[in-house]
Amino acid sequence: MAEGLLRHDAGDRFEVFSAGTKASRVRPEAIEAMREIGIDISGHRSKNVDEFPGQAFDYVLTVCDNAKESCPFFPGGAVMIHHNFEDPEDLAAFRRVRDELRSYLRGFPTK
């Protein structure tokens, strides 16, 4: 959801990549929660950080404590920014986390 929000709300200012420490799938609840606010992430896929070897990043955002703990080192002086969000389990929680993420990301990169 963070990738979709940043691409939609700030894609003209940033090149956005998203990956996790464990690739899985984009949950249907995430797709639905984002569709409700007019953002289509149905074509997104879950990626692993290992897909970006040697890639230089200006910022690396982690959005859960587990990701922060297991996030690899990124060369090139990337600014690491962390905020823990709930790992949603149902559509109501996905909506809540979507709204929290959007509010949080609106201030990026001043976090």
PDB file of N, CA and C in Angstrom:
ATOM      1  N   MET A   1       0.822  -1.185   0.000  1.00  0.00           N
ATOM      2  CA  MET A   1       0.000   0.000   0.000  1.00  0.00           C
ATOM      3  C   MET A   1       0.868   1.252   0.000  1.00  0.00           C
ATOM      4  N   ALA A   2       2.001   1.193   0.712  1.00  0.00           N
ATOM      5  CA  ALA A   2       2.880   2.366   0.753  1.00  0.00           C
ATOM      6  C   ALA A   2       3.385   2.713  -0.644  1.00  0.00           C
ATOM      7  N   GLU A   3       3.762   1.709  -1.421  1.00  0.00           N
ATOM      8  CA  GLU A   3       4.213   1.969  -2.789  1.00  0.00           C
ATOM      9  C   GLU A   3       3.116   2.637  -3.598  1.00  0.00           C
ATOM     10  N   GLY A   4       1.906   2.110  -3.532  1.00  0.00           N
ATOM     11  CA  GLY A   4       0.794   2.682  -4.282  1.00  0.00           C
ATOM     12  C   GLY A   4       0.499   4.111  -3.872  1.00  0.00           C
ATOM     13  N   LEU A   5       0.533   4.364  -2.567  1.00  0.00           N
ATOM     14  CA  LEU A   5       0.275   5.720  -2.078  1.00  0.00           C
ATOM     15  C   LEU A   5       1.354   6.695  -2.533  1.00  0.00           C
ATOM     16  N   LEU A   6       2.628   6.308  -2.390  1.00  0.00           N
ATOM     17  CA  LEU A   6       3.708   7.212  -2.804  1.00  0.00           C
ATOM     18  C   LEU A   6       3.683   7.445  -4.312  1.00  0.00           C
ATOM     19  N   ARG A   7       3.450   6.389  -5.077  1.00  0.00           N
ATOM     20  CA  ARG A   7       3.375   6.563  -6.534  1.00  0.00           C
ATOM     21  C   ARG A   7       2.243   7.518  -6.903  1.00  0.00           C
ATOM     22  N   HIS A   8       1.111   7.364  -6.254  1.00  0.00           N
ATOM     23  CA  HIS A   8      -0.051   8.194  -6.567  1.00  0.00           C
ATOM     24  C   HIS A   8       0.117   9.623  -6.072  1.00  0.00           C
ATOM     25  N   ASP A   9       0.534   9.773  -4.824  1.00  0.00           N
ATOM     26  CA  ASP A   9       0.560  11.099  -4.201  1.00  0.00           C
ATOM     27  C   ASP A   9       1.844  11.878  -4.450  1.00  0.00           C
ATOM     28  N   ALA A  10       2.953  11.187  -4.742  1.00  0.00           N
ATOM     29  CA  ALA A  10       4.234  11.892  -4.888  1.00  0.00           C
ATOM     30  C   ALA A  10       5.091  11.324  -6.011  1.00  0.00           C
ATOM     31  N   GLY A  11       4.480  10.581  -6.917  1.00  0.00           N
ATOM     32  CA  GLY A  11       5.230   9.933  -7.981  1.00  0.00           C
ATOM     33  C   GLY A  11       5.942  10.882  -8.916  1.00  0.00           C
ATOM     34  N   ASP A  12       5.530  12.136  -8.934  1.00  0.00           N
ATOM     35  CA  ASP A  12       6.218  13.114  -9.761  1.00  0.00           C
ATOM     36  C   ASP A  12       7.497  13.612  -9.083  1.00  0.00           C
ATOM     37  N   ARG A  13       7.649  13.328  -7.785  1.00  0.00           N
ATOM     38  CA  ARG A  13       8.840  13.775  -7.043  1.00  0.00           C
ATOM     39  C   ARG A  13       9.821  12.647  -6.750  1.00  0.00           C
ATOM     40  N   PHE A  14       9.367  11.403  -6.845  1.00  0.00           N
ATOM     41  CA  PHE A  14      10.197  10.260  -6.465  1.00  0.00           C
ATOM     42  C   PHE A  14      10.051   9.123  -7.453  1.00  0.00           C
ATOM     43  N   GLU A  15      11.109   8.365  -7.599  1.00  0.00           N
ATOM     44  CA  GLU A  15      11.022   7.065  -8.248  1.00  0.00           C
ATOM     45  C   GLU A  15      10.821   6.079  -7.101  1.00  0.00           C
ATOM     46  N   VAL A  16       9.727   5.356  -7.122  1.00  0.00           N
ATOM     47  CA  VAL A  16       9.325   4.542  -5.980  1.00  0.00           C
ATOM     48  C   VAL A  16       9.537   3.060  -6.270  1.00  0.00           C
ATOM     49  N   PHE A  17      10.177   2.383  -5.328  1.00  0.00           N
ATOM     50  CA  PHE A  17      10.344   0.935  -5.360  1.00  0.00           C
ATOM     51  C   PHE A  17       9.801   0.400  -4.046  1.00  0.00           C
ATOM     52  N   SER A  18       9.315  -0.811  -4.066  1.00  0.00           N
ATOM     53  CA  SER A  18       8.823  -1.419  -2.842  1.00  0.00           C
ATOM     54  C   SER A  18       9.271  -2.863  -2.805  1.00  0.00           C
ATOM     55  N   ALA A  19       9.710  -3.280  -1.628  1.00  0.00           N
ATOM     56  CA  ALA A  19      10.111  -4.674  -1.448  1.00  0.00           C
ATOM     57  C   ALA A  19      10.045  -5.010   0.032  1.00  0.00           C
ATOM     58  N   GLY A  20       9.916  -6.255   0.301  1.00  0.00           N
ATOM     59  CA  GLY A  20       9.891  -6.719   1.679  1.00  0.00           C
ATOM     60  C   GLY A  20      11.041  -7.659   1.951  1.00  0.00           C
ATOM     61  N   THR A  21      11.140  -8.059   3.181  1.00  0.00           N
ATOM     62  CA  THR A  21      12.193  -8.998   3.540  1.00  0.00           C
ATOM     63  C   THR A  21      11.795 -10.423   3.160  1.00  0.00           C
ATOM     64  N   LYS A  22      10.491 -10.636   2.939  1.00  0.00           N
ATOM     65  CA  LYS A  22       9.979 -11.927   2.473  1.00  0.00           C
ATOM     66  C   LYS A  22       8.892 -11.647   1.442  1.00  0.00           C
ATOM     67  N   ALA A  23       9.144 -12.022   0.211  1.00  0.00           N
ATOM     68  CA  ALA A  23       8.126 -11.828  -0.822  1.00  0.00           C
ATOM     69  C   ALA A  23       6.987 -12.812  -0.582  1.00  0.00           C
ATOM     70  N   SER A  24       5.771 -12.349  -0.787  1.00  0.00           N
ATOM     71  CA  SER A  24       4.625 -13.236  -0.645  1.00  0.00           C
ATOM     72  C   SER A  24       3.630 -12.914  -1.758  1.00  0.00           C
ATOM     73  N   ARG A  25       2.575 -12.196  -1.410  1.00  0.00           N
ATOM     74  CA  ARG A  25       1.579 -11.808  -2.401  1.00  0.00           C
ATOM     75  C   ARG A  25       0.967 -10.493  -1.949  1.00  0.00           C
ATOM     76  N   VAL A  26       0.355  -9.792  -2.875  1.00  0.00           N
ATOM     77  CA  VAL A  26      -0.385  -8.589  -2.515  1.00  0.00           C
ATOM     78  C   VAL A  26      -1.767  -9.060  -2.074  1.00  0.00           C
ATOM     79  N   ARG A  27      -2.087  -8.765  -0.846  1.00  0.00           N
ATOM     80  CA  ARG A  27      -3.337  -9.258  -0.267  1.00  0.00           C
ATOM     81  C   ARG A  27      -4.545  -8.606  -0.940  1.00  0.00           C
ATOM     82  N   PRO A  28      -5.600  -9.386  -1.181  1.00  0.00           N
ATOM     83  CA  PRO A  28      -6.799  -8.831  -1.806  1.00  0.00           C
ATOM     84  C   PRO A  28      -7.408  -7.699  -0.983  1.00  0.00           C
ATOM     85  N   GLU A  29      -7.269  -7.756   0.336  1.00  0.00           N
ATOM     86  CA  GLU A  29      -7.787  -6.687   1.186  1.00  0.00           C
ATOM     87  C   GLU A  29      -7.042  -5.377   0.929  1.00  0.00           C
ATOM     88  N   ALA A  30      -5.750  -5.453   0.652  1.00  0.00           N
ATOM     89  CA  ALA A  30      -4.966  -4.259   0.326  1.00  0.00           C
ATOM     90  C   ALA A  30      -5.432  -3.684  -1.008  1.00  0.00           C
ATOM     91  N   ILE A  31      -5.638  -4.557  -1.982  1.00  0.00           N
ATOM     92  CA  ILE A  31      -6.121  -4.111  -3.298  1.00  0.00           C
ATOM     93  C   ILE A  31      -7.468  -3.420  -3.149  1.00  0.00           C
ATOM     94  N   GLU A  32      -8.379  -4.003  -2.366  1.00  0.00           N
ATOM     95  CA  GLU A  32      -9.702  -3.422  -2.170  1.00  0.00           C
ATOM     96  C   GLU A  32      -9.629  -2.092  -1.424  1.00  0.00           C
ATOM     97  N   ALA A  33      -8.840  -2.040  -0.349  1.00  0.00           N
ATOM     98  CA  ALA A  33      -8.723  -0.795   0.429  1.00  0.00           C
ATOM     99  C   ALA A  33      -8.183   0.338  -0.434  1.00  0.00           C
ATOM    100  N   MET A  34      -7.233   0.034  -1.289  1.00  0.00           N
ATOM    101  CA  MET A  34      -6.670   1.063  -2.158  1.00  0.00           C
ATOM    102  C   MET A  34      -7.645   1.432  -3.285  1.00  0.00           C
ATOM    103  N   ARG A  35      -8.361   0.447  -3.810  1.00  0.00           N
ATOM    104  CA  ARG A  35      -9.354   0.718  -4.849  1.00  0.00           C
ATOM    105  C   ARG A  35     -10.402   1.699  -4.340  1.00  0.00           C
ATOM    106  N   GLU A  36     -10.752   1.578  -3.056  1.00  0.00           N
ATOM    107  CA  GLU A  36     -11.761   2.455  -2.469  1.00  0.00           C
ATOM    108  C   GLU A  36     -11.363   3.931  -2.495  1.00  0.00           C
ATOM    109  N   ILE A  37     -10.071   4.209  -2.578  1.00  0.00           N
ATOM    110  CA  ILE A  37      -9.624   5.610  -2.654  1.00  0.00           C
ATOM    111  C   ILE A  37      -9.090   5.950  -4.049  1.00  0.00           C
ATOM    112  N   GLY A  38      -9.405   5.098  -5.011  1.00  0.00           N
ATOM    113  CA  GLY A  38      -9.082   5.395  -6.404  1.00  0.00           C
ATOM    114  C   GLY A  38      -7.667   5.053  -6.830  1.00  0.00           C
ATOM    115  N   ILE A  39      -6.996   4.175  -6.099  1.00  0.00           N
ATOM    116  CA  ILE A  39      -5.639   3.774  -6.458  1.00  0.00           C
ATOM    117  C   ILE A  39      -5.644   2.284  -6.775  1.00  0.00           C
ATOM    118  N   ASP A  40      -5.209   1.937  -7.983  1.00  0.00           N
ATOM    119  CA  ASP A  40      -5.207   0.544  -8.435  1.00  0.00           C
ATOM    120  C   ASP A  40      -3.824  -0.074  -8.204  1.00  0.00           C
ATOM    121  N   ILE A  41      -3.753  -1.005  -7.274  1.00  0.00           N
ATOM    122  CA  ILE A  41      -2.495  -1.728  -7.045  1.00  0.00           C
ATOM    123  C   ILE A  41      -2.639  -3.200  -7.461  1.00  0.00           C
ATOM    124  N   SER A  42      -3.678  -3.505  -8.215  1.00  0.00           N
ATOM    125  CA  SER A  42      -3.921  -4.900  -8.598  1.00  0.00           C
ATOM    126  C   SER A  42      -2.800  -5.470  -9.456  1.00  0.00           C
ATOM    127  N   GLY A  43      -2.053  -4.613 -10.128  1.00  0.00           N
ATOM    128  CA  GLY A  43      -0.934  -5.084 -10.942  1.00  0.00           C
ATOM    129  C   GLY A  43       0.382  -5.135 -10.198  1.00  0.00           C
ATOM    130  N   HIS A  44       0.377  -4.730  -8.942  1.00  0.00           N
ATOM    131  CA  HIS A  44       1.608  -4.783  -8.148  1.00  0.00           C
ATOM    132  C   HIS A  44       1.907  -6.218  -7.744  1.00  0.00           C
ATOM    133  N   ARG A  45       3.159  -6.474  -7.448  1.00  0.00           N
ATOM    134  CA  ARG A  45       3.528  -7.795  -6.958  1.00  0.00           C
ATOM    135  C   ARG A  45       4.453  -7.632  -5.766  1.00  0.00           C
ATOM    136  N   SER A  46       4.451  -8.617  -4.923  1.00  0.00           N
ATOM    137  CA  SER A  46       5.328  -8.611  -3.765  1.00  0.00           C
ATOM    138  C   SER A  46       6.742  -8.919  -4.238  1.00  0.00           C
ATOM    139  N   LYS A  47       7.697  -8.093  -3.821  1.00  0.00           N
ATOM    140  CA  LYS A  47       9.091  -8.272  -4.209  1.00  0.00           C
ATOM    141  C   LYS A  47       9.959  -8.419  -2.964  1.00  0.00           C
ATOM    142  N   ASN A  48      11.090  -9.062  -3.147  1.00  0.00           N
ATOM    143  CA  ASN A  48      12.060  -9.214  -2.074  1.00  0.00           C
ATOM    144  C   ASN A  48      13.183  -8.206  -2.290  1.00  0.00           C
ATOM    145  N   VAL A  49      13.750  -7.688  -1.207  1.00  0.00           N
ATOM    146  CA  VAL A  49      14.837  -6.715  -1.332  1.00  0.00           C
ATOM    147  C   VAL A  49      16.014  -7.270  -2.124  1.00  0.00           C
ATOM    148  N   ASP A  50      16.138  -8.581  -2.199  1.00  0.00           N
ATOM    149  CA  ASP A  50      17.230  -9.195  -2.956  1.00  0.00           C
ATOM    150  C   ASP A  50      17.118  -8.925  -4.458  1.00  0.00           C
ATOM    151  N   GLU A  51      15.988  -8.418  -4.899  1.00  0.00           N
ATOM    152  CA  GLU A  51      15.806  -8.086  -6.319  1.00  0.00           C
ATOM    153  C   GLU A  51      16.506  -6.782  -6.703  1.00  0.00           C
ATOM    154  N   PHE A  52      17.074  -6.087  -5.722  1.00  0.00           N
ATOM    155  CA  PHE A  52      17.687  -4.785  -5.986  1.00  0.00           C
ATOM    156  C   PHE A  52      19.162  -4.744  -5.571  1.00  0.00           C
ATOM    157  N   PRO A  53      19.946  -5.748  -5.959  1.00  0.00           N
ATOM    158  CA  PRO A  53      21.349  -5.745  -5.532  1.00  0.00           C
ATOM    159  C   PRO A  53      22.121  -4.577  -6.152  1.00  0.00           C
ATOM    160  N   GLY A  54      22.868  -3.888  -5.339  1.00  0.00           N
ATOM    161  CA  GLY A  54      23.695  -2.794  -5.817  1.00  0.00           C
ATOM    162  C   GLY A  54      22.930  -1.528  -6.147  1.00  0.00           C
ATOM    163  N   GLN A  55      21.615  -1.548  -6.022  1.00  0.00           N
ATOM    164  CA  GLN A  55      20.798  -0.372  -6.310  1.00  0.00           C
ATOM    165  C   GLN A  55      21.039   0.686  -5.237  1.00  0.00           C
ATOM    166  N   ALA A  56      21.306   1.900  -5.653  1.00  0.00           N
ATOM    167  CA  ALA A  56      21.481   3.001  -4.695  1.00  0.00           C
ATOM    168  C   ALA A  56      20.128   3.658  -4.456  1.00  0.00           C
ATOM    169  N   PHE A  57      19.829   3.920  -3.205  1.00  0.00           N
ATOM    170  CA  PHE A  57      18.586   4.578  -2.829  1.00  0.00           C
ATOM    171  C   PHE A  57      18.906   5.809  -2.014  1.00  0.00           C
ATOM    172  N   ASP A  58      18.100   6.844  -2.162  1.00  0.00           N
ATOM    173  CA  ASP A  58      18.245   8.031  -1.329  1.00  0.00           C
ATOM    174  C   ASP A  58      17.603   7.799   0.033  1.00  0.00           C
ATOM    175  N   TYR A  59      16.468   7.107   0.033  1.00  0.00           N
ATOM    176  CA  TYR A  59      15.717   6.818   1.255  1.00  0.00           C
ATOM    177  C   TYR A  59      15.318   5.356   1.267  1.00  0.00           C
ATOM    178  N   VAL A  60      15.321   4.773   2.448  1.00  0.00           N
ATOM    179  CA  VAL A  60      14.755   3.445   2.654  1.00  0.00           C
ATOM    180  C   VAL A  60      13.772   3.580   3.804  1.00  0.00           C
ATOM    181  N   LEU A  61      12.510   3.330   3.506  1.00  0.00           N
ATOM    182  CA  LEU A  61      11.466   3.400   4.522  1.00  0.00           C
ATOM    183  C   LEU A  61      11.099   1.994   4.943  1.00  0.00           C
ATOM    184  N   THR A  62      11.047   1.764   6.230  1.00  0.00           N
ATOM    185  CA  THR A  62      10.526   0.504   6.741  1.00  0.00           C
ATOM    186  C   THR A  62       9.237   0.828   7.485  1.00  0.00           C
ATOM    187  N   VAL A  63       8.237  -0.040   7.316  1.00  0.00           N
ATOM    188  CA  VAL A  63       6.922   0.255   7.885  1.00  0.00           C
ATOM    189  C   VAL A  63       6.447  -0.812   8.872  1.00  0.00           C
ATOM    190  N   CYS A  64       7.367  -1.661   9.309  1.00  0.00           N
ATOM    191  CA  CYS A  64       7.060  -2.580  10.407  1.00  0.00           C
ATOM    192  C   CYS A  64       8.370  -2.911  11.115  1.00  0.00           C
ATOM    193  N   ASP A  65       8.262  -3.201  12.403  1.00  0.00           N
ATOM    194  CA  ASP A  65       9.463  -3.464  13.200  1.00  0.00           C
ATOM    195  C   ASP A  65      10.249  -4.652  12.677  1.00  0.00           C
ATOM    196  N   ASN A  66       9.556  -5.697  12.204  1.00  0.00           N
ATOM    197  CA  ASN A  66      10.257  -6.868  11.688  1.00  0.00           C
ATOM    198  C   ASN A  66      11.115  -6.489  10.483  1.00  0.00           C
ATOM    199  N   ALA A  67      10.583  -5.661   9.603  1.00  0.00           N
ATOM    200  CA  ALA A  67      11.351  -5.234   8.428  1.00  0.00           C
ATOM    201  C   ALA A  67      12.563  -4.413   8.853  1.00  0.00           C
ATOM    202  N   LYS A  68      12.384  -3.576   9.843  1.00  0.00           N
ATOM    203  CA  LYS A  68      13.503  -2.756  10.315  1.00  0.00           C
ATOM    204  C   LYS A  68      14.621  -3.641  10.843  1.00  0.00           C
ATOM    205  N   GLU A  69      14.255  -4.672  11.597  1.00  0.00           N
ATOM    206  CA  GLU A  69      15.248  -5.561  12.196  1.00  0.00           C
ATOM    207  C   GLU A  69      15.990  -6.393  11.151  1.00  0.00           C
ATOM    208  N   SER A  70      15.309  -6.770  10.089  1.00  0.00           N
ATOM    209  CA  SER A  70      15.932  -7.654   9.107  1.00  0.00           C
ATOM    210  C   SER A  70      16.271  -6.968   7.790  1.00  0.00           C
ATOM    211  N   CYS A  71      16.119  -5.656   7.736  1.00  0.00           N
ATOM    212  CA  CYS A  71      16.410  -4.912   6.515  1.00  0.00           C
ATOM    213  C   CYS A  71      17.913  -4.936   6.242  1.00  0.00           C
ATOM    214  N   PRO A  72      18.304  -5.276   5.034  1.00  0.00           N
ATOM    215  CA  PRO A  72      19.731  -5.304   4.714  1.00  0.00           C
ATOM    216  C   PRO A  72      20.324  -3.905   4.639  1.00  0.00           C
ATOM    217  N   PHE A  73      21.613  -3.869   4.610  1.00  0.00           N
ATOM    218  CA  PHE A  73      22.341  -2.605   4.457  1.00  0.00           C
ATOM    219  C   PHE A  73      22.264  -2.171   3.005  1.00  0.00           C
ATOM    220  N   PHE A  74      21.992  -0.907   2.781  1.00  0.00           N
ATOM    221  CA  PHE A  74      21.979  -0.360   1.428  1.00  0.00           C
ATOM    222  C   PHE A  74      23.145   0.605   1.286  1.00  0.00           C
ATOM    223  N   PRO A  75      24.052   0.336   0.364  1.00  0.00           N
ATOM    224  CA  PRO A  75      25.204   1.220   0.186  1.00  0.00           C
ATOM    225  C   PRO A  75      24.783   2.557  -0.398  1.00  0.00           C
ATOM    226  N   GLY A  76      25.636   3.531  -0.251  1.00  0.00           N
ATOM    227  CA  GLY A  76      25.389   4.820  -0.878  1.00  0.00           C
ATOM    228  C   GLY A  76      24.782   5.851   0.040  1.00  0.00           C
ATOM    229  N   GLY A  77      24.718   5.563   1.311  1.00  0.00           N
ATOM    230  CA  GLY A  77      24.262   6.575   2.255  1.00  0.00           C
ATOM    231  C   GLY A  77      22.769   6.801   2.295  1.00  0.00           C
ATOM    232  N   ALA A  78      21.976   5.783   2.027  1.00  0.00           N
ATOM    233  CA  ALA A  78      20.524   5.941   2.081  1.00  0.00           C
ATOM    234  C   ALA A  78      20.092   6.387   3.473  1.00  0.00           C
ATOM    235  N   VAL A  79      19.169   7.317   3.520  1.00  0.00           N
ATOM    236  CA  VAL A  79      18.587   7.752   4.779  1.00  0.00           C
ATOM    237  C   VAL A  79      17.542   6.710   5.179  1.00  0.00           C
ATOM    238  N   MET A  80      17.722   6.123   6.348  1.00  0.00           N
ATOM    239  CA  MET A  80      16.797   5.106   6.838  1.00  0.00           C
ATOM    240  C   MET A  80      15.712   5.788   7.674  1.00  0.00           C
ATOM    241  N   ILE A  81      14.463   5.530   7.333  1.00  0.00           N
ATOM    242  CA  ILE A  81      13.326   6.108   8.047  1.00  0.00           C
ATOM    243  C   ILE A  81      12.400   4.959   8.436  1.00  0.00           C
ATOM    244  N   HIS A  82      12.026   4.930   9.713  1.00  0.00           N
ATOM    245  CA  HIS A  82      11.193   3.827  10.189  1.00  0.00           C
ATOM    246  C   HIS A  82       9.972   4.333  10.938  1.00  0.00           C
ATOM    247  N   HIS A  83       8.867   3.647  10.701  1.00  0.00           N
ATOM    248  CA  HIS A  83       7.649   3.823  11.494  1.00  0.00           C
ATOM    249  C   HIS A  83       6.920   2.486  11.473  1.00  0.00           C
ATOM    250  N   ASN A  84       6.563   2.004  12.634  1.00  0.00           N
ATOM    251  CA  ASN A  84       5.879   0.721  12.714  1.00  0.00           C
ATOM    252  C   ASN A  84       4.375   0.908  12.526  1.00  0.00           C
ATOM    253  N   PHE A  85       3.821   0.144  11.600  1.00  0.00           N
ATOM    254  CA  PHE A  85       2.383   0.103  11.388  1.00  0.00           C
ATOM    255  C   PHE A  85       1.894  -1.301  11.694  1.00  0.00           C
ATOM    256  N   GLU A  86       0.651  -1.384  12.112  1.00  0.00           N
ATOM    257  CA  GLU A  86       0.004  -2.667  12.383  1.00  0.00           C
ATOM    258  C   GLU A  86       0.055  -3.545  11.142  1.00  0.00           C
ATOM    259  N   ASP A  87       0.211  -4.843  11.327  1.00  0.00           N
ATOM    260  CA  ASP A  87       0.107  -5.797  10.230  1.00  0.00           C
ATOM    261  C   ASP A  87      -1.374  -6.158  10.110  1.00  0.00           C
ATOM    262  N   PRO A  88      -2.081  -5.586   9.146  1.00  0.00           N
ATOM    263  CA  PRO A  88      -3.539  -5.757   9.092  1.00  0.00           C
ATOM    264  C   PRO A  88      -3.942  -7.181   8.730  1.00  0.00           C
ATOM    265  N   GLU A  89      -5.078  -7.584   9.293  1.00  0.00           N
ATOM    266  CA  GLU A  89      -5.582  -8.931   9.038  1.00  0.00           C
ATOM    267  C   GLU A  89      -6.916  -8.949   8.306  1.00  0.00           C
ATOM    268  N   ASP A  90      -7.713  -7.903   8.466  1.00  0.00           N
ATOM    269  CA  ASP A  90      -9.019  -7.876   7.795  1.00  0.00           C
ATOM    270  C   ASP A  90      -9.186  -6.539   7.078  1.00  0.00           C
ATOM    271  N   LEU A  91     -10.245  -6.423   6.298  1.00  0.00           N
ATOM    272  CA  LEU A  91     -10.433  -5.234   5.472  1.00  0.00           C
ATOM    273  C   LEU A  91     -10.502  -3.963   6.305  1.00  0.00           C
ATOM    274  N   ALA A  92     -11.163  -4.014   7.448  1.00  0.00           N
ATOM    275  CA  ALA A  92     -11.239  -2.822   8.301  1.00  0.00           C
ATOM    276  C   ALA A  92      -9.853  -2.374   8.742  1.00  0.00           C
ATOM    277  N   ALA A  93      -9.000  -3.316   9.093  1.00  0.00           N
ATOM    278  CA  ALA A  93      -7.636  -2.974   9.505  1.00  0.00           C
ATOM    279  C   ALA A  93      -6.826  -2.459   8.323  1.00  0.00           C
ATOM    280  N   PHE A  94      -7.027  -3.037   7.139  1.00  0.00           N
ATOM    281  CA  PHE A  94      -6.329  -2.531   5.949  1.00  0.00           C
ATOM    282  C   PHE A  94      -6.735  -1.086   5.668  1.00  0.00           C
ATOM    283  N   ARG A  95      -8.002  -0.776   5.844  1.00  0.00           N
ATOM    284  CA  ARG A  95      -8.453   0.611   5.652  1.00  0.00           C
ATOM    285  C   ARG A  95      -7.782   1.546   6.652  1.00  0.00           C
ATOM    286  N   ARG A  96      -7.748   1.125   7.891  1.00  0.00           N
ATOM    287  CA  ARG A  96      -7.140   1.951   8.943  1.00  0.00           C
ATOM    288  C   ARG A  96      -5.648   2.169   8.664  1.00  0.00           C
ATOM    289  N   VAL A  97      -4.937   1.100   8.322  1.00  0.00           N
ATOM    290  CA  VAL A  97      -3.506   1.215   8.040  1.00  0.00           C
ATOM    291  C   VAL A  97      -3.272   2.042   6.785  1.00  0.00           C
ATOM    292  N   ARG A  98      -4.116   1.874   5.781  1.00  0.00           N
ATOM    293  CA  ARG A  98      -4.023   2.697   4.560  1.00  0.00           C
ATOM    294  C   ARG A  98      -4.085   4.179   4.913  1.00  0.00           C
ATOM    295  N   ASP A  99      -5.049   4.538   5.741  1.00  0.00           N
ATOM    296  CA  ASP A  99      -5.215   5.944   6.110  1.00  0.00           C
ATOM    297  C   ASP A  99      -4.050   6.439   6.959  1.00  0.00           C
ATOM    298  N   GLU A 100      -3.553   5.593   7.860  1.00  0.00           N
ATOM    299  CA  GLU A 100      -2.392   5.965   8.677  1.00  0.00           C
ATOM    300  C   GLU A 100      -1.158   6.138   7.803  1.00  0.00           C
ATOM    301  N   LEU A 101      -0.951   5.219   6.868  1.00  0.00           N
ATOM    302  CA  LEU A 101       0.182   5.321   5.940  1.00  0.00           C
ATOM    303  C   LEU A 101       0.099   6.602   5.118  1.00  0.00           C
ATOM    304  N   ARG A 102      -1.074   6.889   4.598  1.00  0.00           N
ATOM    305  CA  ARG A 102      -1.230   8.079   3.757  1.00  0.00           C
ATOM    306  C   ARG A 102      -0.897   9.338   4.547  1.00  0.00           C
ATOM    307  N   SER A 103      -1.394   9.414   5.745  1.00  0.00           N
ATOM    308  CA  SER A 103      -1.108  10.570   6.601  1.00  0.00           C
ATOM    309  C   SER A 103       0.388  10.677   6.875  1.00  0.00           C
ATOM    310  N   TYR A 104       0.995   9.559   7.192  1.00  0.00           N
ATOM    311  CA  TYR A 104       2.431   9.514   7.483  1.00  0.00           C
ATOM    312  C   TYR A 104       3.261   9.905   6.260  1.00  0.00           C
ATOM    313  N   LEU A 105       2.931   9.348   5.111  1.00  0.00           N
ATOM    314  CA  LEU A 105       3.720   9.566   3.901  1.00  0.00           C
ATOM    315  C   LEU A 105       3.536  10.971   3.311  1.00  0.00           C
ATOM    316  N   ARG A 106       2.473  11.639   3.665  1.00  0.00           N
ATOM    317  CA  ARG A 106       2.273  13.006   3.151  1.00  0.00           C
ATOM    318  C   ARG A 106       3.390  13.941   3.584  1.00  0.00           C
ATOM    319  N   GLY A 107       4.012  13.659   4.736  1.00  0.00           N
ATOM    320  CA  GLY A 107       5.101  14.486   5.211  1.00  0.00           C
ATOM    321  C   GLY A 107       6.469  14.059   4.730  1.00  0.00           C
ATOM    322  N   PHE A 108       6.540  12.992   3.955  1.00  0.00           N
ATOM    323  CA  PHE A 108       7.818  12.481   3.487  1.00  0.00           C
ATOM    324  C   PHE A 108       8.414  13.462   2.480  1.00  0.00           C
ATOM    325  N   PRO A 109       9.667  13.746   2.498  1.00  0.00           N
ATOM    326  CA  PRO A 109      10.736  13.102   3.261  1.00  0.00           C
ATOM    327  C   PRO A 109      11.151  13.850   4.526  1.00  0.00           C
ATOM    328  N   THR A 110      10.278  14.608   5.097  1.00  0.00           N
ATOM    329  CA  THR A 110      10.663  15.392   6.263  1.00  0.00           C
ATOM    330  C   THR A 110      10.548  14.628   7.567  1.00  0.00           C
ATOM    331  N   LYS A 111      10.324  13.349   7.518  1.00  0.00           N
ATOM    332  CA  LYS A 111      10.175  12.540   8.737  1.00  0.00           C
ATOM    333  C   LYS A 111      11.495  12.377   9.443  1.00  0.00           C
TER     334      LYS A 111
END
